[in-house]
C-alpha atoms as a PDB file:
ATOM      1  CA  MET A   1       2.391 -17.038   7.903  1.00  0.00           C
ATOM      2  CA  SER A   2       1.204 -13.553   9.564  1.00  0.00           C
ATOM      3  CA  ASN A   3       4.086 -11.391   8.287  1.00  0.00           C
ATOM      4  CA  MET A   4       2.381 -10.571   4.758  1.00  0.00           C
ATOM      5  CA  PHE A   5       1.182  -6.847   5.025  1.00  0.00           C
ATOM      6  CA  PHE A   6       3.456  -5.706   1.299  1.00  0.00           C
ATOM      7  CA  SER A   7       5.756  -8.821   2.047  1.00  0.00           C
ATOM      8  CA  TYR A   8       7.241 -10.630  -1.544  1.00  0.00           C
ATOM      9  CA  PHE A   9       6.167 -13.388  -2.179  1.00  0.00           C
ATOM     10  CA  PRO A  10       8.490 -14.863  -4.653  1.00  0.00           C
ATOM     11  CA  GLY A  11       6.548 -16.724  -7.790  1.00  0.00           C
ATOM     12  CA  LYS A  12       7.250 -17.353 -11.194  1.00  0.00           C
ATOM     13  CA  SER A  13       3.673 -15.684 -12.745  1.00  0.00           C
ATOM     14  CA  LEU A  14       3.790 -13.255 -15.320  1.00  0.00           C
ATOM     15  CA  ILE A  15       3.683 -10.773 -12.944  1.00  0.00           C
ATOM     16  CA  HIS A  16       6.823 -11.489 -11.458  1.00  0.00           C
ATOM     17  CA  GLU A  17       8.689 -11.490 -14.291  1.00  0.00           C
ATOM     18  CA  LEU A  18       7.502  -8.280 -15.639  1.00  0.00           C
ATOM     19  CA  ASP A  19      10.508  -5.205 -15.122  1.00  0.00           C
ATOM     20  CA  PRO A  20       9.789  -2.818 -11.870  1.00  0.00           C
ATOM     21  CA  ARG A  21       8.799  -0.506 -13.748  1.00  0.00           C
ATOM     22  CA  THR A  22       5.932  -1.557 -15.543  1.00  0.00           C
ATOM     23  CA  LYS A  23       4.051  -2.350 -12.584  1.00  0.00           C
ATOM     24  CA  LEU A  24       4.843   0.978 -10.967  1.00  0.00           C
ATOM     25  CA  LEU A  25       3.067   2.765 -14.087  1.00  0.00           C
ATOM     26  CA  ALA A  26       0.485   0.237 -14.127  1.00  0.00           C
ATOM     27  CA  LEU A  27      -0.452   0.623 -10.451  1.00  0.00           C
ATOM     28  CA  PHE A  28       0.270   4.688 -10.373  1.00  0.00           C
ATOM     29  CA  LEU A  29      -2.670   3.655 -14.229  1.00  0.00           C
ATOM     30  CA  PHE A  30      -4.144   1.461 -11.433  1.00  0.00           C
ATOM     31  CA  SER A  31      -4.307   4.884  -9.647  1.00  0.00           C
ATOM     32  CA  ILE A  32      -6.359   6.751 -12.124  1.00  0.00           C
ATOM     33  CA  LEU A  33      -8.471   4.063 -12.685  1.00  0.00           C
ATOM     34  CA  VAL A  34      -9.836   3.764  -8.737  1.00  0.00           C
ATOM     35  CA  PHE A  35     -10.243   7.336  -8.229  1.00  0.00           C
ATOM     36  CA  ALA A  36     -12.198   8.218 -11.427  1.00  0.00           C
ATOM     37  CA  SER A  37     -14.974   6.002 -10.387  1.00  0.00           C
ATOM     38  CA  GLN A  38     -18.148   7.310  -9.037  1.00  0.00           C
ATOM     39  CA  THR A  39     -20.938   4.768  -9.245  1.00  0.00           C
ATOM     40  CA  LEU A  40     -21.195   0.960  -8.832  1.00  0.00           C
ATOM     41  CA  GLU A  41     -20.805   0.043 -12.183  1.00  0.00           C
ATOM     42  CA  GLN A  42     -17.800   1.777 -12.198  1.00  0.00           C
ATOM     43  CA  PHE A  43     -16.293   0.185  -8.813  1.00  0.00           C
ATOM     44  CA  LEU A  44     -17.173  -3.573 -10.471  1.00  0.00           C
ATOM     45  CA  PHE A  45     -15.170  -2.978 -13.397  1.00  0.00           C
ATOM     46  CA  VAL A  46     -12.397  -2.028 -11.126  1.00  0.00           C
ATOM     47  CA  PHE A  47     -12.662  -5.120  -9.436  1.00  0.00           C
ATOM     48  CA  ILE A  48     -13.330  -7.584 -12.077  1.00  0.00           C
ATOM     49  CA  CYS A  49      -9.985  -5.825 -13.783  1.00  0.00           C
ATOM     50  CA  PHE A  50      -8.191  -6.917  -9.652  1.00  0.00           C
ATOM     51  CA  LEU A  51      -9.408 -10.242  -9.381  1.00  0.00           C
ATOM     52  CA  PHE A  52      -7.921 -10.390 -12.947  1.00  0.00           C
ATOM     53  CA  ILE A  53      -4.939  -9.211 -12.136  1.00  0.00           C
ATOM     54  CA  ALA A  54      -4.825 -11.369  -9.367  1.00  0.00           C
ATOM     55  CA  PHE A  55      -5.287 -14.076 -10.698  1.00  0.00           C
ATOM     56  CA  ILE A  56      -2.691 -13.722 -13.087  1.00  0.00           C
ATOM     57  CA  SER A  57      -0.183 -13.032 -10.766  1.00  0.00           C
ATOM     58  CA  LYS A  58      -1.063 -16.557  -8.861  1.00  0.00           C
ATOM     59  CA  THR A  59      -1.248 -15.001  -4.662  1.00  0.00           C
ATOM     60  CA  LYS A  60      -2.806 -16.009  -2.673  1.00  0.00           C
ATOM     61  CA  PRO A  61      -6.268 -14.231  -1.731  1.00  0.00           C
ATOM     62  CA  ARG A  62      -4.826 -14.487   2.545  1.00  0.00           C
ATOM     63  CA  VAL A  63      -2.098 -12.204   1.410  1.00  0.00           C
ATOM     64  CA  TYR A  64      -4.414  -9.775   0.290  1.00  0.00           C
ATOM     65  CA  TRP A  65      -6.456  -9.974   3.024  1.00  0.00           C
ATOM     66  CA  TYR A  66      -3.429 -10.086   5.771  1.00  0.00           C
ATOM     67  CA  SER A  67      -3.306  -6.179   3.702  1.00  0.00           C
ATOM     68  CA  LEU A  68      -6.430  -5.200   4.875  1.00  0.00           C
ATOM     69  CA  LYS A  69      -7.074  -6.720   8.081  1.00  0.00           C
ATOM     70  CA  PRO A  70      -4.903  -4.196   9.639  1.00  0.00           C
ATOM     71  CA  LEU A  71      -6.859  -1.396   8.271  1.00  0.00           C
ATOM     72  CA  LEU A  72     -10.195  -2.711   8.962  1.00  0.00           C
ATOM     73  CA  VAL A  73     -10.488  -0.568  11.839  1.00  0.00           C
ATOM     74  CA  PHE A  74      -9.392   2.763   9.642  1.00  0.00           C
ATOM     75  CA  PHE A  75     -12.197   2.228   7.474  1.00  0.00           C
ATOM     76  CA  LEU A  76     -14.028   1.847   9.895  1.00  0.00           C
ATOM     77  CA  LEU A  77     -13.853   5.361  10.839  1.00  0.00           C
ATOM     78  CA  ILE A  78     -13.243   6.871   7.865  1.00  0.00           C
ATOM     79  CA  PHE A  79     -17.004   5.052   7.193  1.00  0.00           C
ATOM     80  CA  ILE A  80     -18.810   6.320   9.799  1.00  0.00           C
ATOM     81  CA  MET A  81     -16.999   9.647  10.120  1.00  0.00           C
ATOM     82  CA  GLN A  82     -18.923  10.122   6.303  1.00  0.00           C
ATOM     83  CA  LEU A  83     -22.021   9.778   7.699  1.00  0.00           C
ATOM     84  CA  LEU A  84     -22.409  11.377  10.448  1.00  0.00           C
ATOM     85  CA  PHE A  85     -21.273  14.153   9.572  1.00  0.00           C
ATOM     86  CA  THR A  86     -22.511  14.594   5.648  1.00  0.00           C
ATOM     87  CA  ASP A  87     -25.756  16.587   5.341  1.00  0.00           C
ATOM     88  CA  GLY A  88     -28.288  15.761   2.335  1.00  0.00           C
ATOM     89  CA  ASN A  89     -31.429  13.538   2.349  1.00  0.00           C
ATOM     90  CA  GLU A  90     -32.093  12.222   6.232  1.00  0.00           C
ATOM     91  CA  ILE A  91     -32.310   8.668   6.113  1.00  0.00           C
ATOM     92  CA  ILE A  92     -32.307   8.154  10.257  1.00  0.00           C
ATOM     93  CA  SER A  93     -31.758  10.738  13.135  1.00  0.00           C
ATOM     94  CA  PHE A  94     -31.036   9.613  16.376  1.00  0.00           C
ATOM     95  CA  ILE A  95     -30.321  12.348  19.304  1.00  0.00           C
ATOM     96  CA  ASN A  96     -29.144  15.119  17.372  1.00  0.00           C
ATOM     97  CA  THR A  97     -27.532  12.806  14.821  1.00  0.00           C
ATOM     98  CA  SER A  98     -28.431  12.625  11.487  1.00  0.00           C
ATOM     99  CA  ILE A  99     -27.882   9.110   8.535  1.00  0.00           C
ATOM    100  CA  THR A 100     -28.146  10.386   4.673  1.00  0.00           C
ATOM    101  CA  TYR A 101     -27.886   8.819   1.661  1.00  0.00           C
ATOM    102  CA  GLU A 102     -24.813  11.485   0.771  1.00  0.00           C
ATOM    103  CA  GLY A 103     -23.306   9.722   3.820  1.00  0.00           C
ATOM    104  CA  LEU A 104     -23.424   6.896   3.132  1.00  0.00           C
ATOM    105  CA  TYR A 105     -22.551   7.016  -0.442  1.00  0.00           C
ATOM    106  CA  LEU A 106     -19.283   8.714   0.036  1.00  0.00           C
ATOM    107  CA  GLY A 107     -18.388   6.626   2.781  1.00  0.00           C
ATOM    108  CA  LEU A 108     -18.339   3.653   0.815  1.00  0.00           C
ATOM    109  CA  THR A 109     -17.613   5.117  -2.259  1.00  0.00           C
ATOM    110  CA  VAL A 110     -13.997   6.495  -0.207  1.00  0.00           C
ATOM    111  CA  ILE A 111     -13.737   2.953   1.787  1.00  0.00           C
ATOM    112  CA  SER A 112     -14.075   1.744  -1.287  1.00  0.00           C
ATOM    113  CA  ARG A 113     -11.243   3.794  -3.241  1.00  0.00           C
ATOM    114  CA  PHE A 114      -8.992   3.303   0.214  1.00  0.00           C
ATOM    115  CA  VAL A 115      -9.085  -1.040  -1.022  1.00  0.00           C
ATOM    116  CA  PHE A 116      -8.498  -1.355  -4.241  1.00  0.00           C
ATOM    117  CA  LEU A 117      -5.395   1.761  -3.894  1.00  0.00           C
ATOM    118  CA  ILE A 118      -4.813  -1.043  -1.026  1.00  0.00           C
ATOM    119  CA  LEU A 119      -5.381  -4.085  -3.175  1.00  0.00           C
ATOM    120  CA  PHE A 120      -3.275  -2.670  -6.198  1.00  0.00           C
ATOM    121  CA  ALA A 121      -0.606  -1.587  -4.008  1.00  0.00           C
ATOM    122  CA  THR A 122      -0.032  -5.218  -2.214  1.00  0.00           C
ATOM    123  CA  VAL A 123       0.411  -7.309  -5.752  1.00  0.00           C
ATOM    124  CA  LEU A 124       2.961  -4.552  -6.784  1.00  0.00           C
ATOM    125  CA  THR A 125       4.342  -5.081  -3.270  1.00  0.00           C
ATOM    126  CA  SER A 126       4.330  -9.143  -3.484  1.00  0.00           C
ATOM    127  CA  THR A 127       5.221 -10.044  -6.629  1.00  0.00           C
ATOM    128  CA  THR A 128       8.527  -7.521  -6.782  1.00  0.00           C
ATOM    129  CA  ARG A 129      11.348  -7.483  -4.707  1.00  0.00           C
ATOM    130  CA  PRO A 130      11.486  -4.304  -1.921  1.00  0.00           C
ATOM    131  CA  SER A 131      15.308  -3.687  -4.099  1.00  0.00           C
ATOM    132  CA  MET A 132      13.842  -3.955  -7.695  1.00  0.00           C
ATOM    133  CA  ILE A 133      11.172  -1.045  -5.893  1.00  0.00           C
ATOM    134  CA  THR A 134      13.635   0.325  -5.201  1.00  0.00           C
ATOM    135  CA  ASN A 135      15.822   0.467  -8.682  1.00  0.00           C
ATOM    136  CA  GLY A 136      12.678   0.936 -10.443  1.00  0.00           C
ATOM    137  CA  ILE A 137      11.173   3.686  -8.573  1.00  0.00           C
ATOM    138  CA  GLU A 138      15.264   5.860  -9.306  1.00  0.00           C
ATOM    139  CA  ARG A 139      14.969   5.063 -12.727  1.00  0.00           C
ATOM    140  CA  ILE A 140      11.660   6.927 -12.842  1.00  0.00           C
ATOM    141  CA  LEU A 141      12.704   9.455 -10.428  1.00  0.00           C
ATOM    142  CA  ARG A 142      16.339  10.193 -12.764  1.00  0.00           C
ATOM    143  CA  PRO A 143      14.580  12.471 -15.577  1.00  0.00           C
ATOM    144  CA  LEU A 144      13.630  14.960 -12.834  1.00  0.00           C
ATOM    145  CA  PRO A 145      15.792  17.562 -11.614  1.00  0.00           C
ATOM    146  CA  LEU A 146      15.818  16.862  -7.831  1.00  0.00           C
ATOM    147  CA  LYS A 147      19.020  17.663  -7.515  1.00  0.00           C
ATOM    148  CA  TYR A 148      18.151  21.305  -7.345  1.00  0.00           C
ATOM    149  CA  LEU A 149      15.340  20.409  -3.966  1.00  0.00           C
ATOM    150  CA  GLY A 150      18.655  19.061  -2.740  1.00  0.00           C
ATOM    151  CA  ILE A 151      17.828  15.477  -3.236  1.00  0.00           C
ATOM    152  CA  SER A 152      18.751  12.799  -5.583  1.00  0.00           C
ATOM    153  CA  SER A 153      16.374   9.784  -7.188  1.00  0.00           C
ATOM    154  CA  HIS A 154      18.503   7.195  -5.336  1.00  0.00           C
ATOM    155  CA  GLU A 155      17.538   8.833  -2.317  1.00  0.00           C
ATOM    156  CA  LEU A 156      14.499   9.016  -2.419  1.00  0.00           C
ATOM    157  CA  ALA A 157      13.797   5.705  -3.815  1.00  0.00           C
ATOM    158  CA  THR A 158      16.025   3.780  -1.278  1.00  0.00           C
ATOM    159  CA  MET A 159      13.699   6.110   1.325  1.00  0.00           C
ATOM    160  CA  MET A 160      10.526   5.556  -0.355  1.00  0.00           C
ATOM    161  CA  SER A 161      11.742   1.165  -0.226  1.00  0.00           C
ATOM    162  CA  LEU A 162      12.770   1.496   3.207  1.00  0.00           C
ATOM    163  CA  SER A 163       9.413   2.681   4.271  1.00  0.00           C
ATOM    164  CA  ILE A 164       7.466  -0.251   1.718  1.00  0.00           C
ATOM    165  CA  ARG A 165      10.413  -2.593   3.778  1.00  0.00           C
ATOM    166  CA  PHE A 166       9.468  -1.754   7.687  1.00  0.00           C
ATOM    167  CA  ILE A 167       5.529  -1.169   7.564  1.00  0.00           C
ATOM    168  CA  PRO A 168       6.128  -5.711   7.911  1.00  0.00           C
ATOM    169  CA  GLU A 169       8.203  -5.647  10.573  1.00  0.00           C
ATOM    170  CA  LEU A 170       6.632  -3.152  12.159  1.00  0.00           C
ATOM    171  CA  PHE A 171       3.153  -5.305  12.868  1.00  0.00           C
ATOM    172  CA  GLU A 172       5.218  -8.134  13.470  1.00  0.00           C
ATOM    173  CA  ASN A 173       7.438  -6.634  16.118  1.00  0.00           C
ATOM    174  CA  ALA A 174       3.836  -5.174  17.435  1.00  0.00           C
ATOM    175  CA  LYS A 175       1.688  -8.737  17.736  1.00  0.00           C
ATOM    176  CA  GLU A 176       5.184 -10.348  19.263  1.00  0.00           C
ATOM    177  CA  ILE A 177       5.010  -7.421  22.138  1.00  0.00           C
ATOM    178  CA  LYS A 178       1.199  -7.975  22.009  1.00  0.00           C
ATOM    179  CA  ASP A 179       2.467 -11.460  22.765  1.00  0.00           C
ATOM    180  CA  ALA A 180       4.569 -10.984  25.156  1.00  0.00           C
ATOM    181  CA  GLN A 181       2.001  -8.324  27.501  1.00  0.00           C
ATOM    182  CA  VAL A 182      -0.468 -10.799  27.426  1.00  0.00           C
ATOM    183  CA  SER A 183       1.852 -13.568  29.159  1.00  0.00           C
ATOM    184  CA  ARG A 184       2.739 -11.086  31.456  1.00  0.00           C
ATOM    185  CA  GLY A 185      -0.706 -10.854  32.546  1.00  0.00           C
ATOM    186  CA  MET A 186      -1.726  -8.026  29.777  1.00  0.00           C
ATOM    187  CA  ASP A 187      -6.172  -8.305  29.327  1.00  0.00           C
ATOM    188  CA  PRO A 188      -6.550  -6.050  25.839  1.00  0.00           C
ATOM    189  CA  SER A 189      -9.979  -6.946  27.182  1.00  0.00           C
ATOM    190  CA  ARG A 190     -10.066  -5.154  30.179  1.00  0.00           C
ATOM    191  CA  SER A 191      -8.538  -1.912  29.918  1.00  0.00           C
ATOM    192  CA  PHE A 192      -8.426  -0.701  26.703  1.00  0.00           C
ATOM    193  CA  LEU A 193      -6.129   2.260  27.344  1.00  0.00           C
ATOM    194  CA  LYS A 194      -4.016   0.881  29.613  1.00  0.00           C
ATOM    195  CA  SER A 195      -2.927  -1.966  27.219  1.00  0.00           C
ATOM    196  CA  ILE A 196      -2.659   0.419  23.553  1.00  0.00           C
ATOM    197  CA  SER A 197      -0.091   2.065  26.216  1.00  0.00           C
ATOM    198  CA  SER A 198       1.647  -1.046  26.806  1.00  0.00           C
ATOM    199  CA  ILE A 199       2.082  -2.161  23.715  1.00  0.00           C
ATOM    200  CA  SER A 200       3.376   1.565  21.874  1.00  0.00           C
ATOM    201  CA  ILE A 201       5.631   2.618  24.236  1.00  0.00           C
ATOM    202  CA  PRO A 202       7.594  -0.556  23.475  1.00  0.00           C
ATOM    203  CA  LEU A 203       6.849  -0.356  19.784  1.00  0.00           C
ATOM    204  CA  VAL A 204       7.960   3.330  19.169  1.00  0.00           C
ATOM    205  CA  SER A 205      11.211   2.090  20.990  1.00  0.00           C
ATOM    206  CA  ASN A 206      12.035  -0.630  19.300  1.00  0.00           C
ATOM    207  CA  SER A 207      11.429   1.078  16.288  1.00  0.00           C
ATOM    208  CA  LEU A 208      13.709   3.866  17.011  1.00  0.00           C
ATOM    209  CA  ASN A 209      16.461   1.181  17.449  1.00  0.00           C
ATOM    210  CA  TYR A 210      15.900  -0.564  14.001  1.00  0.00           C
ATOM    211  CA  VAL A 211      16.012   2.971  12.630  1.00  0.00           C
ATOM    212  CA  GLU A 212      19.252   3.751  14.258  1.00  0.00           C
ATOM    213  CA  GLU A 213      20.997   0.100  13.275  1.00  0.00           C
ATOM    214  CA  LEU A 214      19.608   1.023   9.680  1.00  0.00           C
ATOM    215  CA  VAL A 215      21.546   3.893   9.705  1.00  0.00           C
ATOM    216  CA  ILE A 216      24.976   2.598  10.847  1.00  0.00           C
ATOM    217  CA  ALA A 217      24.804  -0.200   8.663  1.00  0.00           C
ATOM    218  CA  MET A 218      24.622   2.333   5.859  1.00  0.00           C
ATOM    219  CA  GLU A 219      27.266   4.299   6.640  1.00  0.00           C
ATOM    220  CA  ASN A 220      29.298   1.724   6.781  1.00  0.00           C
ATOM    221  CA  ARG A 221      27.985   0.562   3.566  1.00  0.00           C
ATOM    222  CA  CYS A 222      29.078   4.102   2.405  1.00  0.00           C
ATOM    223  CA  PHE A 223      25.495   4.989   1.432  1.00  0.00           C
ATOM    224  CA  GLN A 224      25.945   8.732  -0.333  1.00  0.00           C
ATOM    225  CA  GLY A 225      22.984   8.629  -1.856  1.00  0.00           C
ATOM    226  CA  GLN A 226      23.996   9.077  -5.441  1.00  0.00           C
ATOM    227  CA  GLU A 227      23.203   7.302  -8.870  1.00  0.00           C
ATOM    228  CA  ARG A 228      25.863   3.994  -8.995  1.00  0.00           C
ATOM    229  CA  THR A 229      25.284   0.333 -11.022  1.00  0.00           C
ATOM    230  CA  ASN A 230      23.488  -1.932  -9.681  1.00  0.00           C
ATOM    231  CA  LEU A 231      23.360  -6.028 -10.273  1.00  0.00           C
ATOM    232  CA  TYR A 232      20.741  -6.057 -11.739  1.00  0.00           C
ATOM    233  CA  GLU A 233      20.283  -4.178 -14.961  1.00  0.00           C
ATOM    234  CA  LEU A 234      16.296  -2.983 -15.761  1.00  0.00           C
ATOM    235  CA  LYS A 235      15.195  -3.771 -18.630  1.00  0.00           C
ATOM    236  CA  MET A 236      11.989  -3.242 -20.847  1.00  0.00           C
ATOM    237  CA  ASP A 237      11.045  -6.442 -22.913  1.00  0.00           C
ATOM    238  CA  LYS A 238       8.560  -6.791 -25.504  1.00  0.00           C
ATOM    239  CA  SER A 239       5.994  -7.935 -22.799  1.00  0.00           C
ATOM    240  CA  ASP A 240       6.224  -5.167 -20.585  1.00  0.00           C
ATOM    241  CA  TRP A 241       5.753  -2.182 -23.492  1.00  0.00           C
ATOM    242  CA  ILE A 242       2.740  -4.589 -24.346  1.00  0.00           C
ATOM    243  CA  SER A 243       1.367  -4.527 -20.565  1.00  0.00           C
ATOM    244  CA  LEU A 244       1.570  -0.717 -20.529  1.00  0.00           C
ATOM    245  CA  LEU A 245      -0.215  -0.105 -23.804  1.00  0.00           C
ATOM    246  CA  ILE A 246      -3.188  -2.392 -22.837  1.00  0.00           C
ATOM    247  CA  LEU A 247      -3.274  -0.465 -19.259  1.00  0.00           C
ATOM    248  CA  CYS A 248      -3.011   3.003 -20.902  1.00  0.00           C
ATOM    249  CA  SER A 249      -5.757   1.872 -23.593  1.00  0.00           C
ATOM    250  CA  LEU A 250      -8.441   0.541 -21.101  1.00  0.00           C
ATOM    251  CA  LEU A 251      -7.705   3.673 -18.817  1.00  0.00           C
ATOM    252  CA  ILE A 252      -8.301   6.310 -22.213  1.00  0.00           C
ATOM    253  CA  SER A 253     -11.370   3.887 -23.421  1.00  0.00           C
ATOM    254  CA  TYR A 254     -12.902   4.257 -19.579  1.00  0.00           C
ATOM    255  CA  LEU A 255     -12.402   7.730 -19.022  1.00  0.00           C
ATOM    256  CA  TYR A 256     -14.018   8.417 -22.568  1.00  0.00           C
ATOM    257  CA  PHE A 257     -16.762   6.292 -21.974  1.00  0.00           C
ATOM    258  CA  THR A 258     -18.111   7.026 -18.397  1.00  0.00           C
END
């Protein structure tokens, strides 16, 4: 299956059964944990936490790989920029550029944080239906006074959920366009810029058409962005509260002892 980027995979694990609000709050806590990490030992601790969560979720390892694969070039560019443009103790120099220990450390730190954030987000999206993510975000944001900003919690939750749902479609569409262009004689290795334009222009056009169809479908269903009842009402069980208590205790202990 090629369309694995931020996709949902049905299952019966403990993570699947948790309330979406629990998983969203857990993602927020793990994000704090990732950004607070500075040393190799701290990142190793975060990695152990991820392995434990991934094992409980019973998500296949290739799902995480397909979530990271489209962003490898982006990670490489960030690492190179940090490596070449950070001042500090010089490791090696060439032409008018020098590589420093500080640049190497900062590059690895930034990349590690991005990778762990995506991995933890993948656990959320692979174990939670997009509709349940929408409901969870809406319930979390409902107490906030968003009406004074001219937006409702349901509108904001729907927008975030559609963004997450649109990402796998975007990558799948790009792959289909690339295969179609290659079948018409395009050679990506011969002309990189021409290949990019041959893929990006149809991709943007298809994306705009998809958005237009989505807007029409929402209007036909009388979407108003107002609070409404749901088929499945969310309810925090004992396992949800225990999970949040453990995560909060873990985060407090981590921040206090490191």
